[in-house]
Amino acid sequence: MHEVSIVSDMLNIVYENVQLHNMKSINKIVIKVGEFTCINESSLRFAYECLCKNTICENVKLEIKKIKASAYCNNCRKIFNISYTNRVCPICNKFSKNVVTGDELTVDSIEGEQK
């Protein structure tokens, strides 16, 4: 379950930003998760709840924005949705290896109050 290490790294980013921006409380953490990351949302939420106990993040809402996978076609210069098994442009039927979105895993925002 790699979600535990992912949440641990995410919380380190949050704690650094809490100190950097002199925050006294956090209301919500928003993360972006691409569909190609192979992250199990329920495992991620479970790890989040466990690792947040007795910290500033306990009872803080975790919002997960799911990002669809897409690619750029060099032939017709369009961006289109892809899947694990299909990266063929629906317009010109050319294969694309240029993944644009779907592999991201980022802390998008931290909402809270400053001291």
PDB file of N, CA and C in Angstrom:
ATOM      1  N   MET A   1       0.857  -1.181   0.000  1.00  0.00           N
ATOM      2  CA  MET A   1       0.000   0.000   0.000  1.00  0.00           C
ATOM      3  C   MET A   1       0.899   1.239   0.000  1.00  0.00           C
ATOM      4  N   HIS A   2       1.205   1.739  -1.190  1.00  0.00           N
ATOM      5  CA  HIS A   2       2.070   2.913  -1.317  1.00  0.00           C
ATOM      6  C   HIS A   2       1.352   4.206  -0.952  1.00  0.00           C
ATOM      7  N   GLU A   3       0.059   4.127  -0.706  1.00  0.00           N
ATOM      8  CA  GLU A   3      -0.697   5.323  -0.326  1.00  0.00           C
ATOM      9  C   GLU A   3      -0.200   5.919   0.989  1.00  0.00           C
ATOM     10  N   VAL A   4       0.316   5.075   1.892  1.00  0.00           N
ATOM     11  CA  VAL A   4       0.823   5.578   3.178  1.00  0.00           C
ATOM     12  C   VAL A   4       2.017   6.505   2.950  1.00  0.00           C
ATOM     13  N   SER A   5       2.955   6.100   2.113  1.00  0.00           N
ATOM     14  CA  SER A   5       4.117   6.964   1.857  1.00  0.00           C
ATOM     15  C   SER A   5       3.715   8.215   1.081  1.00  0.00           C
ATOM     16  N   ILE A   6       2.719   8.087   0.222  1.00  0.00           N
ATOM     17  CA  ILE A   6       2.221   9.253  -0.519  1.00  0.00           C
ATOM     18  C   ILE A   6       1.611  10.267   0.443  1.00  0.00           C
ATOM     19  N   VAL A   7       0.775   9.792   1.361  1.00  0.00           N
ATOM     20  CA  VAL A   7       0.149  10.690   2.337  1.00  0.00           C
ATOM     21  C   VAL A   7       1.208  11.289   3.258  1.00  0.00           C
ATOM     22  N   SER A   8       2.190  10.509   3.641  1.00  0.00           N
ATOM     23  CA  SER A   8       3.261  11.019   4.495  1.00  0.00           C
ATOM     24  C   SER A   8       4.002  12.167   3.808  1.00  0.00           C
ATOM     25  N   ASP A   9       4.355  11.984   2.549  1.00  0.00           N
ATOM     26  CA  ASP A   9       5.013  13.056   1.792  1.00  0.00           C
ATOM     27  C   ASP A   9       4.101  14.270   1.633  1.00  0.00           C
ATOM     28  N   MET A  10       2.818  14.023   1.369  1.00  0.00           N
ATOM     29  CA  MET A  10       1.848  15.108   1.214  1.00  0.00           C
ATOM     30  C   MET A  10       1.751  15.922   2.508  1.00  0.00           C
ATOM     31  N   LEU A  11       1.681  15.231   3.641  1.00  0.00           N
ATOM     32  CA  LEU A  11       1.573  15.932   4.919  1.00  0.00           C
ATOM     33  C   LEU A  11       2.841  16.722   5.230  1.00  0.00           C
ATOM     34  N   ASN A  12       3.998  16.226   4.830  1.00  0.00           N
ATOM     35  CA  ASN A  12       5.234  17.000   5.009  1.00  0.00           C
ATOM     36  C   ASN A  12       5.162  18.314   4.242  1.00  0.00           C
ATOM     37  N   ILE A  13       4.617  18.272   3.033  1.00  0.00           N
ATOM     38  CA  ILE A  13       4.428  19.493   2.238  1.00  0.00           C
ATOM     39  C   ILE A  13       3.460  20.436   2.948  1.00  0.00           C
ATOM     40  N   VAL A  14       2.382  19.882   3.478  1.00  0.00           N
ATOM     41  CA  VAL A  14       1.390  20.694   4.195  1.00  0.00           C
ATOM     42  C   VAL A  14       2.027  21.340   5.422  1.00  0.00           C
ATOM     43  N   TYR A  15       2.747  20.561   6.231  1.00  0.00           N
ATOM     44  CA  TYR A  15       3.362  21.100   7.450  1.00  0.00           C
ATOM     45  C   TYR A  15       4.374  22.196   7.125  1.00  0.00           C
ATOM     46  N   GLU A  16       5.151  22.009   6.066  1.00  0.00           N
ATOM     47  CA  GLU A  16       6.106  23.045   5.649  1.00  0.00           C
ATOM     48  C   GLU A  16       5.386  24.340   5.291  1.00  0.00           C
ATOM     49  N   ASN A  17       4.270  24.217   4.584  1.00  0.00           N
ATOM     50  CA  ASN A  17       3.515  25.404   4.177  1.00  0.00           C
ATOM     51  C   ASN A  17       2.791  26.054   5.342  1.00  0.00           C
ATOM     52  N   VAL A  18       2.355  25.264   6.307  1.00  0.00           N
ATOM     53  CA  VAL A  18       1.726  25.819   7.509  1.00  0.00           C
ATOM     54  C   VAL A  18       2.729  26.713   8.229  1.00  0.00           C
ATOM     55  N   GLN A  19       3.958  26.254   8.365  1.00  0.00           N
ATOM     56  CA  GLN A  19       4.991  27.061   9.020  1.00  0.00           C
ATOM     57  C   GLN A  19       5.383  28.261   8.168  1.00  0.00           C
ATOM     58  N   LEU A  20       5.561  28.027   6.881  1.00  0.00           N
ATOM     59  CA  LEU A  20       5.981  29.088   5.968  1.00  0.00           C
ATOM     60  C   LEU A  20       4.984  30.243   5.932  1.00  0.00           C
ATOM     61  N   HIS A  21       3.697  29.914   5.967  1.00  0.00           N
ATOM     62  CA  HIS A  21       2.650  30.936   5.862  1.00  0.00           C
ATOM     63  C   HIS A  21       2.026  31.284   7.213  1.00  0.00           C
ATOM     64  N   ASN A  22       2.661  30.815   8.292  1.00  0.00           N
ATOM     65  CA  ASN A  22       2.250  31.179   9.645  1.00  0.00           C
ATOM     66  C   ASN A  22       0.760  30.905   9.889  1.00  0.00           C
ATOM     67  N   MET A  23       0.338  29.680   9.593  1.00  0.00           N
ATOM     68  CA  MET A  23      -1.079  29.320   9.735  1.00  0.00           C
ATOM     69  C   MET A  23      -1.346  28.754  11.127  1.00  0.00           C
ATOM     70  N   LYS A  24      -2.497  29.114  11.689  1.00  0.00           N
ATOM     71  CA  LYS A  24      -2.863  28.574  12.997  1.00  0.00           C
ATOM     72  C   LYS A  24      -3.804  27.385  12.878  1.00  0.00           C
ATOM     73  N   SER A  25      -4.511  27.286  11.747  1.00  0.00           N
ATOM     74  CA  SER A  25      -5.413  26.150  11.543  1.00  0.00           C
ATOM     75  C   SER A  25      -5.577  25.879  10.053  1.00  0.00           C
ATOM     76  N   ILE A  26      -5.998  24.651   9.759  1.00  0.00           N
ATOM     77  CA  ILE A  26      -6.249  24.239   8.381  1.00  0.00           C
ATOM     78  C   ILE A  26      -7.697  23.769   8.287  1.00  0.00           C
ATOM     79  N   ASN A  27      -8.387  24.203   7.237  1.00  0.00           N
ATOM     80  CA  ASN A  27      -9.775  23.784   7.018  1.00  0.00           C
ATOM     81  C   ASN A  27      -9.897  22.695   5.958  1.00  0.00           C
ATOM     82  N   LYS A  28      -9.051  22.799   4.924  1.00  0.00           N
ATOM     83  CA  LYS A  28      -9.174  21.863   3.810  1.00  0.00           C
ATOM     84  C   LYS A  28      -7.849  21.738   3.072  1.00  0.00           C
ATOM     85  N   ILE A  29      -7.573  20.507   2.636  1.00  0.00           N
ATOM     86  CA  ILE A  29      -6.422  20.224   1.783  1.00  0.00           C
ATOM     87  C   ILE A  29      -6.976  19.684   0.473  1.00  0.00           C
ATOM     88  N   VAL A  30      -6.524  20.258  -0.642  1.00  0.00           N
ATOM     89  CA  VAL A  30      -6.983  19.820  -1.963  1.00  0.00           C
ATOM     90  C   VAL A  30      -5.789  19.229  -2.708  1.00  0.00           C
ATOM     91  N   ILE A  31      -5.971  18.004  -3.203  1.00  0.00           N
ATOM     92  CA  ILE A  31      -4.916  17.379  -3.996  1.00  0.00           C
ATOM     93  C   ILE A  31      -5.461  17.009  -5.371  1.00  0.00           C
ATOM     94  N   LYS A  32      -4.560  16.972  -6.348  1.00  0.00           N
ATOM     95  CA  LYS A  32      -4.904  16.530  -7.701  1.00  0.00           C
ATOM     96  C   LYS A  32      -4.277  15.158  -7.912  1.00  0.00           C
ATOM     97  N   VAL A  33      -5.108  14.214  -8.360  1.00  0.00           N
ATOM     98  CA  VAL A  33      -4.647  12.851  -8.581  1.00  0.00           C
ATOM     99  C   VAL A  33      -5.021  12.426  -9.996  1.00  0.00           C
ATOM    100  N   GLY A  34      -4.016  12.171 -10.807  1.00  0.00           N
ATOM    101  CA  GLY A  34      -4.248  11.718 -12.172  1.00  0.00           C
ATOM    102  C   GLY A  34      -4.676  10.262 -12.214  1.00  0.00           C
ATOM    103  N   GLU A  35      -5.492   9.921 -13.212  1.00  0.00           N
ATOM    104  CA  GLU A  35      -6.022   8.560 -13.279  1.00  0.00           C
ATOM    105  C   GLU A  35      -4.948   7.517 -13.578  1.00  0.00           C
ATOM    106  N   PHE A  36      -3.777   7.909 -14.075  1.00  0.00           N
ATOM    107  CA  PHE A  36      -2.699   6.959 -14.343  1.00  0.00           C
ATOM    108  C   PHE A  36      -1.797   6.724 -13.131  1.00  0.00           C
ATOM    109  N   THR A  37      -2.081   7.341 -11.987  1.00  0.00           N
ATOM    110  CA  THR A  37      -1.233   7.175 -10.807  1.00  0.00           C
ATOM    111  C   THR A  37      -1.470   5.857 -10.087  1.00  0.00           C
ATOM    112  N   CYS A  38      -2.553   5.175 -10.405  1.00  0.00           N
ATOM    113  CA  CYS A  38      -2.887   3.879  -9.784  1.00  0.00           C
ATOM    114  C   CYS A  38      -3.081   3.999  -8.279  1.00  0.00           C
ATOM    115  N   ILE A  39      -3.577   5.136  -7.833  1.00  0.00           N
ATOM    116  CA  ILE A  39      -3.826   5.339  -6.410  1.00  0.00           C
ATOM    117  C   ILE A  39      -5.256   4.934  -6.090  1.00  0.00           C
ATOM    118  N   ASN A  40      -5.396   4.134  -5.052  1.00  0.00           N
ATOM    119  CA  ASN A  40      -6.706   3.706  -4.587  1.00  0.00           C
ATOM    120  C   ASN A  40      -7.231   4.776  -3.631  1.00  0.00           C
ATOM    121  N   GLU A  41      -8.350   5.404  -4.002  1.00  0.00           N
ATOM    122  CA  GLU A  41      -8.855   6.527  -3.202  1.00  0.00           C
ATOM    123  C   GLU A  41      -9.212   6.123  -1.783  1.00  0.00           C
ATOM    124  N   SER A  42      -9.845   4.984  -1.592  1.00  0.00           N
ATOM    125  CA  SER A  42     -10.226   4.587  -0.231  1.00  0.00           C
ATOM    126  C   SER A  42      -8.982   4.292   0.615  1.00  0.00           C
ATOM    127  N   SER A  43      -7.955   3.703   0.028  1.00  0.00           N
ATOM    128  CA  SER A  43      -6.698   3.468   0.756  1.00  0.00           C
ATOM    129  C   SER A  43      -6.014   4.786   1.094  1.00  0.00           C
ATOM    130  N   LEU A  44      -6.073   5.731   0.168  1.00  0.00           N
ATOM    131  CA  LEU A  44      -5.489   7.049   0.398  1.00  0.00           C
ATOM    132  C   LEU A  44      -6.201   7.755   1.550  1.00  0.00           C
ATOM    133  N   ARG A  45      -7.520   7.714   1.548  1.00  0.00           N
ATOM    134  CA  ARG A  45      -8.286   8.358   2.626  1.00  0.00           C
ATOM    135  C   ARG A  45      -8.035   7.679   3.974  1.00  0.00           C
ATOM    136  N   PHE A  46      -7.931   6.353   3.973  1.00  0.00           N
ATOM    137  CA  PHE A  46      -7.647   5.626   5.209  1.00  0.00           C
ATOM    138  C   PHE A  46      -6.271   6.020   5.752  1.00  0.00           C
ATOM    139  N   ALA A  47      -5.272   6.046   4.885  1.00  0.00           N
ATOM    140  CA  ALA A  47      -3.926   6.449   5.302  1.00  0.00           C
ATOM    141  C   ALA A  47      -3.931   7.883   5.823  1.00  0.00           C
ATOM    142  N   TYR A  48      -4.680   8.751   5.153  1.00  0.00           N
ATOM    143  CA  TYR A  48      -4.785  10.150   5.569  1.00  0.00           C
ATOM    144  C   TYR A  48      -5.358  10.247   6.986  1.00  0.00           C
ATOM    145  N   GLU A  49      -6.453   9.537   7.243  1.00  0.00           N
ATOM    146  CA  GLU A  49      -7.071   9.572   8.577  1.00  0.00           C
ATOM    147  C   GLU A  49      -6.109   9.062   9.645  1.00  0.00           C
ATOM    148  N   CYS A  50      -5.399   7.982   9.347  1.00  0.00           N
ATOM    149  CA  CYS A  50      -4.463   7.405  10.321  1.00  0.00           C
ATOM    150  C   CYS A  50      -3.291   8.337  10.610  1.00  0.00           C
ATOM    151  N   LEU A  51      -2.703   8.898   9.562  1.00  0.00           N
ATOM    152  CA  LEU A  51      -1.515   9.738   9.740  1.00  0.00           C
ATOM    153  C   LEU A  51      -1.830  11.130  10.284  1.00  0.00           C
ATOM    154  N   CYS A  52      -3.084  11.538  10.220  1.00  0.00           N
ATOM    155  CA  CYS A  52      -3.458  12.871  10.706  1.00  0.00           C
ATOM    156  C   CYS A  52      -3.842  12.892  12.181  1.00  0.00           C
ATOM    157  N   LYS A  53      -4.011  11.730  12.783  1.00  0.00           N
ATOM    158  CA  LYS A  53      -4.410  11.691  14.193  1.00  0.00           C
ATOM    159  C   LYS A  53      -3.402  12.452  15.051  1.00  0.00           C
ATOM    160  N   ASN A  54      -3.939  13.274  15.938  1.00  0.00           N
ATOM    161  CA  ASN A  54      -3.140  14.069  16.878  1.00  0.00           C
ATOM    162  C   ASN A  54      -2.189  15.051  16.192  1.00  0.00           C
ATOM    163  N   THR A  55      -2.584  15.540  15.017  1.00  0.00           N
ATOM    164  CA  THR A  55      -1.801  16.566  14.319  1.00  0.00           C
ATOM    165  C   THR A  55      -2.726  17.734  13.980  1.00  0.00           C
ATOM    166  N   ILE A  56      -2.163  18.790  13.422  1.00  0.00           N
ATOM    167  CA  ILE A  56      -2.960  19.943  12.997  1.00  0.00           C
ATOM    168  C   ILE A  56      -3.940  19.556  11.886  1.00  0.00           C
ATOM    169  N   CYS A  57      -3.686  18.432  11.223  1.00  0.00           N
ATOM    170  CA  CYS A  57      -4.544  17.991  10.111  1.00  0.00           C
ATOM    171  C   CYS A  57      -5.686  17.074  10.544  1.00  0.00           C
ATOM    172  N   GLU A  58      -5.747  16.738  11.825  1.00  0.00           N
ATOM    173  CA  GLU A  58      -6.838  15.877  12.279  1.00  0.00           C
ATOM    174  C   GLU A  58      -8.178  16.578  12.036  1.00  0.00           C
ATOM    175  N   ASN A  59      -9.128  15.868  11.477  1.00  0.00           N
ATOM    176  CA  ASN A  59     -10.475  16.365  11.138  1.00  0.00           C
ATOM    177  C   ASN A  59     -10.475  17.416  10.029  1.00  0.00           C
ATOM    178  N   VAL A  60      -9.385  17.535   9.288  1.00  0.00           N
ATOM    179  CA  VAL A  60      -9.324  18.461   8.156  1.00  0.00           C
ATOM    180  C   VAL A  60      -9.818  17.732   6.916  1.00  0.00           C
ATOM    181  N   LYS A  61     -10.698  18.398   6.160  1.00  0.00           N
ATOM    182  CA  LYS A  61     -11.264  17.791   4.956  1.00  0.00           C
ATOM    183  C   LYS A  61     -10.188  17.602   3.892  1.00  0.00           C
ATOM    184  N   LEU A  62     -10.166  16.415   3.301  1.00  0.00           N
ATOM    185  CA  LEU A  62      -9.282  16.131   2.173  1.00  0.00           C
ATOM    186  C   LEU A  62     -10.140  16.055   0.918  1.00  0.00           C
ATOM    187  N   GLU A  63      -9.905  16.994   0.001  1.00  0.00           N
ATOM    188  CA  GLU A  63     -10.630  16.994  -1.272  1.00  0.00           C
ATOM    189  C   GLU A  63      -9.704  16.445  -2.349  1.00  0.00           C
ATOM    190  N   ILE A  64     -10.201  15.464  -3.094  1.00  0.00           N
ATOM    191  CA  ILE A  64      -9.408  14.844  -4.150  1.00  0.00           C
ATOM    192  C   ILE A  64     -10.012  15.212  -5.495  1.00  0.00           C
ATOM    193  N   LYS A  65      -9.227  15.935  -6.298  1.00  0.00           N
ATOM    194  CA  LYS A  65      -9.651  16.272  -7.662  1.00  0.00           C
ATOM    195  C   LYS A  65      -9.060  15.219  -8.597  1.00  0.00           C
ATOM    196  N   LYS A  66      -9.930  14.474  -9.243  1.00  0.00           N
ATOM    197  CA  LYS A  66      -9.474  13.432 -10.164  1.00  0.00           C
ATOM    198  C   LYS A  66      -9.231  14.046 -11.538  1.00  0.00           C
ATOM    199  N   ILE A  67      -8.052  13.791 -12.078  1.00  0.00           N
ATOM    200  CA  ILE A  67      -7.658  14.352 -13.367  1.00  0.00           C
ATOM    201  C   ILE A  67      -7.666  13.245 -14.422  1.00  0.00           C
ATOM    202  N   LYS A  68      -8.465  13.449 -15.462  1.00  0.00           N
ATOM    203  CA  LYS A  68      -8.535  12.489 -16.570  1.00  0.00           C
ATOM    204  C   LYS A  68      -7.218  12.500 -17.337  1.00  0.00           C
ATOM    205  N   ALA A  69      -6.893  11.361 -17.906  1.00  0.00           N
ATOM    206  CA  ALA A  69      -5.682  11.251 -18.717  1.00  0.00           C
ATOM    207  C   ALA A  69      -5.956  11.782 -20.117  1.00  0.00           C
ATOM    208  N   SER A  70      -5.001  12.547 -20.631  1.00  0.00           N
ATOM    209  CA  SER A  70      -5.123  13.067 -21.992  1.00  0.00           C
ATOM    210  C   SER A  70      -3.749  13.087 -22.650  1.00  0.00           C
ATOM    211  N   ALA A  71      -3.764  13.158 -23.972  1.00  0.00           N
ATOM    212  CA  ALA A  71      -2.524  13.191 -24.747  1.00  0.00           C
ATOM    213  C   ALA A  71      -2.637  14.250 -25.832  1.00  0.00           C
ATOM    214  N   TYR A  72      -1.481  14.637 -26.355  1.00  0.00           N
ATOM    215  CA  TYR A  72      -1.402  15.613 -27.437  1.00  0.00           C
ATOM    216  C   TYR A  72      -1.009  14.878 -28.713  1.00  0.00           C
ATOM    217  N   CYS A  73      -1.738  15.149 -29.779  1.00  0.00           N
ATOM    218  CA  CYS A  73      -1.446  14.540 -31.074  1.00  0.00           C
ATOM    219  C   CYS A  73      -0.537  15.473 -31.872  1.00  0.00           C
ATOM    220  N   ASN A  74       0.650  14.991 -32.211  1.00  0.00           N
ATOM    221  CA  ASN A  74       1.582  15.792 -33.018  1.00  0.00           C
ATOM    222  C   ASN A  74       1.101  15.963 -34.449  1.00  0.00           C
ATOM    223  N   ASN A  75       0.270  15.045 -34.909  1.00  0.00           N
ATOM    224  CA  ASN A  75      -0.194  15.087 -36.289  1.00  0.00           C
ATOM    225  C   ASN A  75      -1.265  16.163 -36.498  1.00  0.00           C
ATOM    226  N   CYS A  76      -2.347  16.102 -35.706  1.00  0.00           N
ATOM    227  CA  CYS A  76      -3.435  17.074 -35.904  1.00  0.00           C
ATOM    228  C   CYS A  76      -3.457  18.168 -34.840  1.00  0.00           C
ATOM    229  N   ARG A  77      -2.510  18.082 -33.891  1.00  0.00           N
ATOM    230  CA  ARG A  77      -2.334  19.110 -32.857  1.00  0.00           C
ATOM    231  C   ARG A  77      -3.554  19.311 -31.960  1.00  0.00           C
ATOM    232  N   LYS A  78      -4.182  18.210 -31.601  1.00  0.00           N
ATOM    233  CA  LYS A  78      -5.338  18.231 -30.707  1.00  0.00           C
ATOM    234  C   LYS A  78      -5.001  17.476 -29.430  1.00  0.00           C
ATOM    235  N   ILE A  79      -5.669  17.850 -28.347  1.00  0.00           N
ATOM    236  CA  ILE A  79      -5.571  17.119 -27.089  1.00  0.00           C
ATOM    237  C   ILE A  79      -6.821  16.262 -26.976  1.00  0.00           C
ATOM    238  N   PHE A  80      -6.627  14.997 -26.576  1.00  0.00           N
ATOM    239  CA  PHE A  80      -7.757  14.067 -26.500  1.00  0.00           C
ATOM    240  C   PHE A  80      -7.597  13.156 -25.290  1.00  0.00           C
ATOM    241  N   ASN A  81      -8.722  12.614 -24.794  1.00  0.00           N
ATOM    242  CA  ASN A  81      -8.705  11.697 -23.660  1.00  0.00           C
ATOM    243  C   ASN A  81      -8.122  10.358 -24.086  1.00  0.00           C
ATOM    244  N   ILE A  82      -7.372   9.751 -23.169  1.00  0.00           N
ATOM    245  CA  ILE A  82      -6.763   8.455 -23.432  1.00  0.00           C
ATOM    246  C   ILE A  82      -7.072   7.490 -22.298  1.00  0.00           C
ATOM    247  N   SER A  83      -6.744   6.234 -22.516  1.00  0.00           N
ATOM    248  CA  SER A  83      -6.846   5.218 -21.477  1.00  0.00           C
ATOM    249  C   SER A  83      -5.534   4.444 -21.450  1.00  0.00           C
ATOM    250  N   TYR A  84      -5.427   3.497 -20.520  1.00  0.00           N
ATOM    251  CA  TYR A  84      -4.210   2.683 -20.450  1.00  0.00           C
ATOM    252  C   TYR A  84      -3.952   1.947 -21.755  1.00  0.00           C
ATOM    253  N   THR A  85      -5.013   1.519 -22.392  1.00  0.00           N
ATOM    254  CA  THR A  85      -4.872   0.668 -23.579  1.00  0.00           C
ATOM    255  C   THR A  85      -5.094   1.389 -24.897  1.00  0.00           C
ATOM    256  N   ASN A  86      -5.474   2.650 -24.862  1.00  0.00           N
ATOM    257  CA  ASN A  86      -5.773   3.353 -26.109  1.00  0.00           C
ATOM    258  C   ASN A  86      -5.229   4.779 -26.075  1.00  0.00           C
ATOM    259  N   ARG A  87      -4.209   5.006 -26.875  1.00  0.00           N
ATOM    260  CA  ARG A  87      -3.638   6.350 -27.014  1.00  0.00           C
ATOM    261  C   ARG A  87      -3.694   6.801 -28.471  1.00  0.00           C
ATOM    262  N   VAL A  88      -4.711   6.334 -29.161  1.00  0.00           N
ATOM    263  CA  VAL A  88      -4.881   6.679 -30.570  1.00  0.00           C
ATOM    264  C   VAL A  88      -5.784   7.898 -30.668  1.00  0.00           C
ATOM    265  N   CYS A  89      -5.339   8.885 -31.422  1.00  0.00           N
ATOM    266  CA  CYS A  89      -6.113  10.111 -31.619  1.00  0.00           C
ATOM    267  C   CYS A  89      -7.424   9.770 -32.329  1.00  0.00           C
ATOM    268  N   PRO A  90      -8.552  10.206 -31.780  1.00  0.00           N
ATOM    269  CA  PRO A  90      -9.843   9.902 -32.410  1.00  0.00           C
ATOM    270  C   PRO A  90     -10.095  10.703 -33.687  1.00  0.00           C
ATOM    271  N   ILE A  91      -9.283  11.714 -33.934  1.00  0.00           N
ATOM    272  CA  ILE A  91      -9.479  12.558 -35.120  1.00  0.00           C
ATOM    273  C   ILE A  91      -8.705  12.013 -36.323  1.00  0.00           C
ATOM    274  N   CYS A  92      -7.409  11.702 -36.106  1.00  0.00           N
ATOM    275  CA  CYS A  92      -6.582  11.271 -37.244  1.00  0.00           C
ATOM    276  C   CYS A  92      -6.112   9.814 -37.151  1.00  0.00           C
ATOM    277  N   ASN A  93      -6.458   9.148 -36.056  1.00  0.00           N
ATOM    278  CA  ASN A  93      -6.099   7.736 -35.830  1.00  0.00           C
ATOM    279  C   ASN A  93      -4.594   7.477 -35.729  1.00  0.00           C
ATOM    280  N   LYS A  94      -3.824   8.474 -35.299  1.00  0.00           N
ATOM    281  CA  LYS A  94      -2.386   8.305 -35.081  1.00  0.00           C
ATOM    282  C   LYS A  94      -2.135   8.063 -33.591  1.00  0.00           C
ATOM    283  N   PHE A  95      -1.153   7.210 -33.294  1.00  0.00           N
ATOM    284  CA  PHE A  95      -0.773   6.927 -31.914  1.00  0.00           C
ATOM    285  C   PHE A  95      -0.012   8.122 -31.334  1.00  0.00           C
ATOM    286  N   SER A  96      -0.297   8.438 -30.063  1.00  0.00           N
ATOM    287  CA  SER A  96       0.411   9.528 -29.389  1.00  0.00           C
ATOM    288  C   SER A  96       1.096   9.009 -28.138  1.00  0.00           C
ATOM    289  N   LYS A  97       2.354   9.367 -27.970  1.00  0.00           N
ATOM    290  CA  LYS A  97       3.077   9.039 -26.741  1.00  0.00           C
ATOM    291  C   LYS A  97       3.228  10.263 -25.842  1.00  0.00           C
ATOM    292  N   ASN A  98       2.601  11.376 -26.222  1.00  0.00           N
ATOM    293  CA  ASN A  98       2.720  12.639 -25.491  1.00  0.00           C
ATOM    294  C   ASN A  98       1.595  12.799 -24.468  1.00  0.00           C
ATOM    295  N   VAL A  99       1.768  12.183 -23.305  1.00  0.00           N
ATOM    296  CA  VAL A  99       0.768  12.292 -22.240  1.00  0.00           C
ATOM    297  C   VAL A  99       0.820  13.707 -21.670  1.00  0.00           C
ATOM    298  N   VAL A 100      -0.334  14.358 -21.626  1.00  0.00           N
ATOM    299  CA  VAL A 100      -0.430  15.738 -21.138  1.00  0.00           C
ATOM    300  C   VAL A 100      -0.898  15.757 -19.687  1.00  0.00           C
ATOM    301  N   THR A 101      -1.931  14.997 -19.390  1.00  0.00           N
ATOM    302  CA  THR A 101      -2.459  14.925 -18.028  1.00  0.00           C
ATOM    303  C   THR A 101      -2.761  13.473 -17.683  1.00  0.00           C
ATOM    304  N   GLY A 102      -2.856  13.220 -16.380  1.00  0.00           N
ATOM    305  CA  GLY A 102      -3.231  11.894 -15.919  1.00  0.00           C
ATOM    306  C   GLY A 102      -2.199  11.245 -15.024  1.00  0.00           C
ATOM    307  N   ASP A 103      -0.977  11.789 -14.997  1.00  0.00           N
ATOM    308  CA  ASP A 103       0.049  11.204 -14.136  1.00  0.00           C
ATOM    309  C   ASP A 103       0.441  12.129 -12.977  1.00  0.00           C
ATOM    310  N   GLU A 104      -0.330  13.194 -12.772  1.00  0.00           N
ATOM    311  CA  GLU A 104       0.010  14.143 -11.715  1.00  0.00           C
ATOM    312  C   GLU A 104      -0.464  13.662 -10.342  1.00  0.00           C
ATOM    313  N   LEU A 105       0.271  14.093  -9.342  1.00  0.00           N
ATOM    314  CA  LEU A 105      -0.082  13.864  -7.949  1.00  0.00           C
ATOM    315  C   LEU A 105       0.491  15.046  -7.186  1.00  0.00           C
ATOM    316  N   THR A 106      -0.347  16.051  -6.929  1.00  0.00           N
ATOM    317  CA  THR A 106       0.137  17.298  -6.339  1.00  0.00           C
ATOM    318  C   THR A 106      -0.790  17.813  -5.250  1.00  0.00           C
ATOM    319  N   VAL A 107      -0.202  18.554  -4.313  1.00  0.00           N
ATOM    320  CA  VAL A 107      -1.003  19.314  -3.356  1.00  0.00           C
ATOM    321  C   VAL A 107      -1.396  20.583  -4.092  1.00  0.00           C
ATOM    322  N   ASP A 108      -2.685  20.737  -4.348  1.00  0.00           N
ATOM    323  CA  ASP A 108      -3.183  21.869  -5.128  1.00  0.00           C
ATOM    324  C   ASP A 108      -3.376  23.106  -4.259  1.00  0.00           C
ATOM    325  N   SER A 109      -3.953  22.916  -3.071  1.00  0.00           N
ATOM    326  CA  SER A 109      -4.153  24.065  -2.182  1.00  0.00           C
ATOM    327  C   SER A 109      -4.339  23.609  -0.740  1.00  0.00           C
ATOM    328  N   ILE A 110      -4.060  24.537   0.164  1.00  0.00           N
ATOM    329  CA  ILE A 110      -4.257  24.342   1.595  1.00  0.00           C
ATOM    330  C   ILE A 110      -5.043  25.544   2.084  1.00  0.00           C
ATOM    331  N   GLU A 111      -6.234  25.299   2.589  1.00  0.00           N
ATOM    332  CA  GLU A 111      -7.073  26.392   3.086  1.00  0.00           C
ATOM    333  C   GLU A 111      -7.039  26.404   4.602  1.00  0.00           C
ATOM    334  N   GLY A 112      -6.880  27.598   5.166  1.00  0.00           N
ATOM    335  CA  GLY A 112      -6.851  27.715   6.610  1.00  0.00           C
ATOM    336  C   GLY A 112      -6.784  29.162   7.044  1.00  0.00           C
ATOM    337  N   GLU A 113      -6.468  29.350   8.325  1.00  0.00           N
ATOM    338  CA  GLU A 113      -6.396  30.694   8.897  1.00  0.00           C
ATOM    339  C   GLU A 113      -4.976  30.981   9.361  1.00  0.00           C
ATOM    340  N   GLN A 114      -4.561  32.221   9.133  1.00  0.00           N
ATOM    341  CA  GLN A 114      -3.242  32.642   9.596  1.00  0.00           C
ATOM    342  C   GLN A 114      -3.324  33.125  11.032  1.00  0.00           C
ATOM    343  N   LYS A 115      -2.175  33.103  11.685  1.00  0.00           N
ATOM    344  CA  LYS A 115      -2.105  33.571  13.081  1.00  0.00           C
ATOM    345  C   LYS A 115      -2.278  35.064  13.144  1.00  0.00           C
TER     346      LYS A 115
END
